[in-house]
């Protein structure tokens, strides 16, 4: 039996919302919890299942199905960035434009979480880290950054930190911590 490998993030994370949504199965359902009669009687919660990768994301916070679909799509894009990897040839490596734009003078990776390029930036950084066996200093050297700059970026977002620590833990490294 052969194992199927999901395509790399580069095929999905950069798609516009309509194209990414077209690759998904959409489930609408009733969310439980507070919100009154409207929430309990309408199918406002949304779950997106990305067919090519098998990954899923959902949103249930809003009473608006439209808002929940937009949230689920953002979450799916981030899940794709955190879970799918693109193989790298480090001898000929040049950072993709999203990551290159976020690197400022070797001091920091400056990219806000609301920036549309954020998932691609995270994915590109994870690719370098994966290629370097999750050794921060080696990955930082490839990017022209300090180890501290890479660590600051990773701990700046709880979802990114959790994914990074899961991978580091699987390799026997100590978890990164917020200070």
C-alpha atoms as a PDB file:
ATOM      1  CA  UNK A   1       0.000   0.000   0.000  1.00  0.00           C
ATOM      2  CA  UNK A   2       1.440   3.378  -0.967  1.00  0.00           C
ATOM      3  CA  UNK A   3       1.019   6.423   1.208  1.00  0.00           C
ATOM      4  CA  UNK A   4      -0.401   9.505  -0.457  1.00  0.00           C
ATOM      5  CA  UNK A   5       1.465  12.711   0.169  1.00  0.00           C
ATOM      6  CA  UNK A   6      -0.393  16.026   0.196  1.00  0.00           C
ATOM      7  CA  UNK A   7       0.871  18.634  -2.260  1.00  0.00           C
ATOM      8  CA  UNK A   8       2.994  21.421  -0.746  1.00  0.00           C
ATOM      9  CA  UNK A   9       1.415  24.539   0.739  1.00  0.00           C
ATOM     10  CA  UNK A  10       2.558  26.669  -2.192  1.00  0.00           C
ATOM     11  CA  UNK A  11      -0.261  25.240  -4.312  1.00  0.00           C
ATOM     12  CA  UNK A  12      -2.981  26.324  -1.892  1.00  0.00           C
ATOM     13  CA  UNK A  13      -2.013  29.117   0.507  1.00  0.00           C
ATOM     14  CA  UNK A  14      -1.550  31.699  -2.244  1.00  0.00           C
ATOM     15  CA  UNK A  15      -4.921  31.002  -3.909  1.00  0.00           C
ATOM     16  CA  UNK A  16      -7.572  33.694  -3.693  1.00  0.00           C
ATOM     17  CA  UNK A  17     -10.530  32.967  -1.440  1.00  0.00           C
ATOM     18  CA  UNK A  18     -12.834  31.872  -4.260  1.00  0.00           C
ATOM     19  CA  UNK A  19     -10.346  29.387  -5.705  1.00  0.00           C
ATOM     20  CA  UNK A  20      -9.518  27.917  -2.292  1.00  0.00           C
ATOM     21  CA  UNK A  21     -13.198  27.679  -1.392  1.00  0.00           C
ATOM     22  CA  UNK A  22     -13.852  25.848  -4.684  1.00  0.00           C
ATOM     23  CA  UNK A  23     -11.452  23.113  -3.509  1.00  0.00           C
ATOM     24  CA  UNK A  24     -13.451  22.602  -0.315  1.00  0.00           C
ATOM     25  CA  UNK A  25     -16.513  20.712   0.780  1.00  0.00           C
ATOM     26  CA  UNK A  26     -18.644  23.000   2.907  1.00  0.00           C
ATOM     27  CA  UNK A  27     -20.767  21.741   5.790  1.00  0.00           C
ATOM     28  CA  UNK A  28     -23.295  24.011   7.463  1.00  0.00           C
ATOM     29  CA  UNK A  29     -24.616  23.063  10.855  1.00  0.00           C
ATOM     30  CA  UNK A  30     -26.200  24.427  13.999  1.00  0.00           C
ATOM     31  CA  UNK A  31     -23.795  25.549  16.643  1.00  0.00           C
ATOM     32  CA  UNK A  32     -24.687  24.974  20.254  1.00  0.00           C
ATOM     33  CA  UNK A  33     -24.136  27.340  23.096  1.00  0.00           C
ATOM     34  CA  UNK A  34     -25.197  30.906  23.878  1.00  0.00           C
ATOM     35  CA  UNK A  35     -26.704  33.099  21.216  1.00  0.00           C
ATOM     36  CA  UNK A  36     -30.383  32.683  21.679  1.00  0.00           C
ATOM     37  CA  UNK A  37     -33.080  31.413  19.429  1.00  0.00           C
ATOM     38  CA  UNK A  38     -31.477  32.446  16.143  1.00  0.00           C
ATOM     39  CA  UNK A  39     -28.279  30.534  16.786  1.00  0.00           C
ATOM     40  CA  UNK A  40     -30.109  27.400  17.818  1.00  0.00           C
ATOM     41  CA  UNK A  41     -32.471  27.413  14.826  1.00  0.00           C
ATOM     42  CA  UNK A  42     -30.222  28.332  11.903  1.00  0.00           C
ATOM     43  CA  UNK A  43     -27.313  26.526  10.288  1.00  0.00           C
ATOM     44  CA  UNK A  44     -24.810  29.344  10.768  1.00  0.00           C
ATOM     45  CA  UNK A  45     -21.724  27.315  11.735  1.00  0.00           C
ATOM     46  CA  UNK A  46     -19.386  26.376   8.854  1.00  0.00           C
ATOM     47  CA  UNK A  47     -16.867  23.566   8.420  1.00  0.00           C
ATOM     48  CA  UNK A  48     -14.585  23.517   5.378  1.00  0.00           C
ATOM     49  CA  UNK A  49     -12.845  20.321   4.297  1.00  0.00           C
ATOM     50  CA  UNK A  50     -10.045  20.846   1.812  1.00  0.00           C
ATOM     51  CA  UNK A  51     -10.313  17.933  -0.615  1.00  0.00           C
ATOM     52  CA  UNK A  52      -6.715  17.893  -1.962  1.00  0.00           C
ATOM     53  CA  UNK A  53      -5.060  17.895   1.482  1.00  0.00           C
ATOM     54  CA  UNK A  54      -7.736  16.361   3.699  1.00  0.00           C
ATOM     55  CA  UNK A  55      -7.373  19.204   6.232  1.00  0.00           C
ATOM     56  CA  UNK A  56     -10.364  20.978   7.761  1.00  0.00           C
ATOM     57  CA  UNK A  57     -11.290  24.145   9.655  1.00  0.00           C
ATOM     58  CA  UNK A  58     -14.504  25.408  11.172  1.00  0.00           C
ATOM     59  CA  UNK A  59     -16.016  28.540  12.635  1.00  0.00           C
ATOM     60  CA  UNK A  60     -19.038  28.765  14.914  1.00  0.00           C
ATOM     61  CA  UNK A  61     -18.632  32.112  16.691  1.00  0.00           C
ATOM     62  CA  UNK A  62     -20.959  34.302  14.674  1.00  0.00           C
ATOM     63  CA  UNK A  63     -24.689  34.073  14.026  1.00  0.00           C
ATOM     64  CA  UNK A  64     -23.814  34.947  10.416  1.00  0.00           C
ATOM     65  CA  UNK A  65     -22.978  32.053   8.107  1.00  0.00           C
ATOM     66  CA  UNK A  66     -21.112  34.491   5.839  1.00  0.00           C
ATOM     67  CA  UNK A  67     -18.828  35.641   8.677  1.00  0.00           C
ATOM     68  CA  UNK A  68     -18.246  32.063   9.810  1.00  0.00           C
ATOM     69  CA  UNK A  69     -17.308  31.003   6.269  1.00  0.00           C
ATOM     70  CA  UNK A  70     -14.742  33.830   6.069  1.00  0.00           C
ATOM     71  CA  UNK A  71     -13.291  32.843   9.473  1.00  0.00           C
ATOM     72  CA  UNK A  72     -13.170  29.160   8.525  1.00  0.00           C
ATOM     73  CA  UNK A  73     -11.380  30.039   5.282  1.00  0.00           C
ATOM     74  CA  UNK A  74      -8.732  32.065   7.163  1.00  0.00           C
ATOM     75  CA  UNK A  75      -8.280  29.201   9.611  1.00  0.00           C
ATOM     76  CA  UNK A  76      -8.009  26.672   6.793  1.00  0.00           C
ATOM     77  CA  UNK A  77      -5.356  28.762   5.042  1.00  0.00           C
ATOM     78  CA  UNK A  78      -3.345  28.891   8.282  1.00  0.00           C
ATOM     79  CA  UNK A  79      -3.807  25.150   8.871  1.00  0.00           C
ATOM     80  CA  UNK A  80      -2.486  24.467   5.380  1.00  0.00           C
ATOM     81  CA  UNK A  81       0.523  26.712   6.072  1.00  0.00           C
ATOM     82  CA  UNK A  82       1.296  24.979   9.356  1.00  0.00           C
ATOM     83  CA  UNK A  83       0.803  21.380   8.240  1.00  0.00           C
ATOM     84  CA  UNK A  84       1.961  21.121   4.604  1.00  0.00           C
ATOM     85  CA  UNK A  85       5.619  21.424   3.641  1.00  0.00           C
ATOM     86  CA  UNK A  86       7.400  22.244   0.398  1.00  0.00           C
ATOM     87  CA  UNK A  87      10.742  20.475  -0.152  1.00  0.00           C
ATOM     88  CA  UNK A  88      13.752  22.789  -0.325  1.00  0.00           C
ATOM     89  CA  UNK A  89      17.130  22.603  -1.997  1.00  0.00           C
ATOM     90  CA  UNK A  90      19.095  24.653   0.530  1.00  0.00           C
ATOM     91  CA  UNK A  91      22.104  24.982  -1.808  1.00  0.00           C
ATOM     92  CA  UNK A  92      20.010  27.055  -4.216  1.00  0.00           C
ATOM     93  CA  UNK A  93      17.559  28.485  -1.696  1.00  0.00           C
ATOM     94  CA  UNK A  94      16.171  31.973  -2.019  1.00  0.00           C
ATOM     95  CA  UNK A  95      13.333  32.964   0.319  1.00  0.00           C
ATOM     96  CA  UNK A  96       9.958  33.380  -1.395  1.00  0.00           C
ATOM     97  CA  UNK A  97       8.710  36.936  -1.777  1.00  0.00           C
ATOM     98  CA  UNK A  98       6.425  36.791   1.274  1.00  0.00           C
ATOM     99  CA  UNK A  99       9.261  35.838   3.602  1.00  0.00           C
ATOM    100  CA  UNK A 100      11.784  38.132   1.935  1.00  0.00           C
ATOM    101  CA  UNK A 101       9.387  41.078   2.337  1.00  0.00           C
ATOM    102  CA  UNK A 102       8.918  40.268   6.030  1.00  0.00           C
ATOM    103  CA  UNK A 103      12.655  40.124   6.848  1.00  0.00           C
ATOM    104  CA  UNK A 104      13.828  43.576   7.848  1.00  0.00           C
ATOM    105  CA  UNK A 105      17.563  44.156   8.044  1.00  0.00           C
ATOM    106  CA  UNK A 106      18.378  40.879   9.748  1.00  0.00           C
ATOM    107  CA  UNK A 107      16.758  42.078  12.935  1.00  0.00           C
ATOM    108  CA  UNK A 108      13.179  40.815  12.790  1.00  0.00           C
ATOM    109  CA  UNK A 109      10.489  39.172  10.757  1.00  0.00           C
ATOM    110  CA  UNK A 110       7.866  41.882  10.582  1.00  0.00           C
ATOM    111  CA  UNK A 111       4.553  40.572   9.377  1.00  0.00           C
ATOM    112  CA  UNK A 112       1.233  41.148  11.102  1.00  0.00           C
ATOM    113  CA  UNK A 113      -1.174  38.258  11.511  1.00  0.00           C
ATOM    114  CA  UNK A 114      -3.836  40.150   9.575  1.00  0.00           C
ATOM    115  CA  UNK A 115      -1.591  40.548   6.538  1.00  0.00           C
ATOM    116  CA  UNK A 116      -2.803  38.343   3.663  1.00  0.00           C
ATOM    117  CA  UNK A 117       0.803  37.139   3.199  1.00  0.00           C
ATOM    118  CA  UNK A 118       1.121  35.930   6.805  1.00  0.00           C
ATOM    119  CA  UNK A 119       0.208  32.249   6.183  1.00  0.00           C
ATOM    120  CA  UNK A 120       2.679  32.036   3.276  1.00  0.00           C
ATOM    121  CA  UNK A 121       5.373  33.687   5.418  1.00  0.00           C
ATOM    122  CA  UNK A 122       4.815  31.178   8.218  1.00  0.00           C
ATOM    123  CA  UNK A 123       4.815  28.273   5.757  1.00  0.00           C
ATOM    124  CA  UNK A 124       8.053  29.424   4.123  1.00  0.00           C
ATOM    125  CA  UNK A 125       9.735  29.750   7.521  1.00  0.00           C
ATOM    126  CA  UNK A 126       8.508  26.282   8.548  1.00  0.00           C
ATOM    127  CA  UNK A 127       9.938  24.867   5.292  1.00  0.00           C
ATOM    128  CA  UNK A 128      13.384  26.248   6.135  1.00  0.00           C
ATOM    129  CA  UNK A 129      13.119  25.010   9.722  1.00  0.00           C
ATOM    130  CA  UNK A 130      12.059  21.558   8.528  1.00  0.00           C
ATOM    131  CA  UNK A 131      14.945  21.437   6.036  1.00  0.00           C
ATOM    132  CA  UNK A 132      17.344  22.352   8.867  1.00  0.00           C
ATOM    133  CA  UNK A 133      15.933  19.779  11.280  1.00  0.00           C
ATOM    134  CA  UNK A 134      14.231  22.511  13.327  1.00  0.00           C
ATOM    135  CA  UNK A 135      17.568  23.932  14.467  1.00  0.00           C
ATOM    136  CA  UNK A 136      16.742  27.632  14.817  1.00  0.00           C
ATOM    137  CA  UNK A 137      20.308  28.847  14.460  1.00  0.00           C
ATOM    138  CA  UNK A 138      20.840  27.004  11.165  1.00  0.00           C
ATOM    139  CA  UNK A 139      17.534  28.256   9.719  1.00  0.00           C
ATOM    140  CA  UNK A 140      18.275  31.799  10.908  1.00  0.00           C
ATOM    141  CA  UNK A 141      21.618  31.702   9.096  1.00  0.00           C
ATOM    142  CA  UNK A 142      19.905  30.689   5.851  1.00  0.00           C
ATOM    143  CA  UNK A 143      17.576  33.659   6.170  1.00  0.00           C
ATOM    144  CA  UNK A 144      20.132  36.228   7.259  1.00  0.00           C
ATOM    145  CA  UNK A 145      18.442  36.583  10.639  1.00  0.00           C
ATOM    146  CA  UNK A 146      19.439  36.118  14.229  1.00  0.00           C
ATOM    147  CA  UNK A 147      18.252  33.064  16.125  1.00  0.00           C
ATOM    148  CA  UNK A 148      16.400  35.380  18.494  1.00  0.00           C
ATOM    149  CA  UNK A 149      14.504  36.970  15.576  1.00  0.00           C
ATOM    150  CA  UNK A 150      13.270  33.566  14.402  1.00  0.00           C
ATOM    151  CA  UNK A 151      12.304  32.569  17.946  1.00  0.00           C
ATOM    152  CA  UNK A 152      10.449  35.878  18.514  1.00  0.00           C
ATOM    153  CA  UNK A 153       8.410  35.337  15.369  1.00  0.00           C
ATOM    154  CA  UNK A 154       7.529  31.760  16.316  1.00  0.00           C
ATOM    155  CA  UNK A 155       6.380  32.632  19.837  1.00  0.00           C
ATOM    156  CA  UNK A 156       4.420  35.681  18.662  1.00  0.00           C
ATOM    157  CA  UNK A 157       1.395  33.630  17.568  1.00  0.00           C
ATOM    158  CA  UNK A 158      -0.088  30.900  19.765  1.00  0.00           C
ATOM    159  CA  UNK A 159      -1.050  28.677  16.803  1.00  0.00           C
ATOM    160  CA  UNK A 160       2.392  28.984  15.225  1.00  0.00           C
ATOM    161  CA  UNK A 161       4.074  28.311  18.573  1.00  0.00           C
ATOM    162  CA  UNK A 162       1.937  25.226  19.190  1.00  0.00           C
ATOM    163  CA  UNK A 163       2.719  23.804  15.722  1.00  0.00           C
ATOM    164  CA  UNK A 164       6.441  24.575  16.049  1.00  0.00           C
ATOM    165  CA  UNK A 165       6.628  22.993  19.492  1.00  0.00           C
ATOM    166  CA  UNK A 166       4.797  19.879  18.291  1.00  0.00           C
ATOM    167  CA  UNK A 167       7.380  19.390  15.547  1.00  0.00           C
ATOM    168  CA  UNK A 168      10.324  20.219  17.835  1.00  0.00           C
ATOM    169  CA  UNK A 169       8.992  17.811  20.466  1.00  0.00           C
ATOM    170  CA  UNK A 170       8.729  15.029  17.878  1.00  0.00           C
ATOM    171  CA  UNK A 171      12.432  15.581  17.136  1.00  0.00           C
ATOM    172  CA  UNK A 172      13.414  15.591  20.822  1.00  0.00           C
ATOM    173  CA  UNK A 173      14.033  19.347  21.180  1.00  0.00           C
ATOM    174  CA  UNK A 174      12.949  21.496  24.097  1.00  0.00           C
ATOM    175  CA  UNK A 175       9.804  23.537  23.480  1.00  0.00           C
ATOM    176  CA  UNK A 176      10.024  27.233  22.740  1.00  0.00           C
ATOM    177  CA  UNK A 177       8.523  29.407  25.466  1.00  0.00           C
ATOM    178  CA  UNK A 178       7.075  32.845  25.683  1.00  0.00           C
ATOM    179  CA  UNK A 179       8.872  35.056  28.150  1.00  0.00           C
END
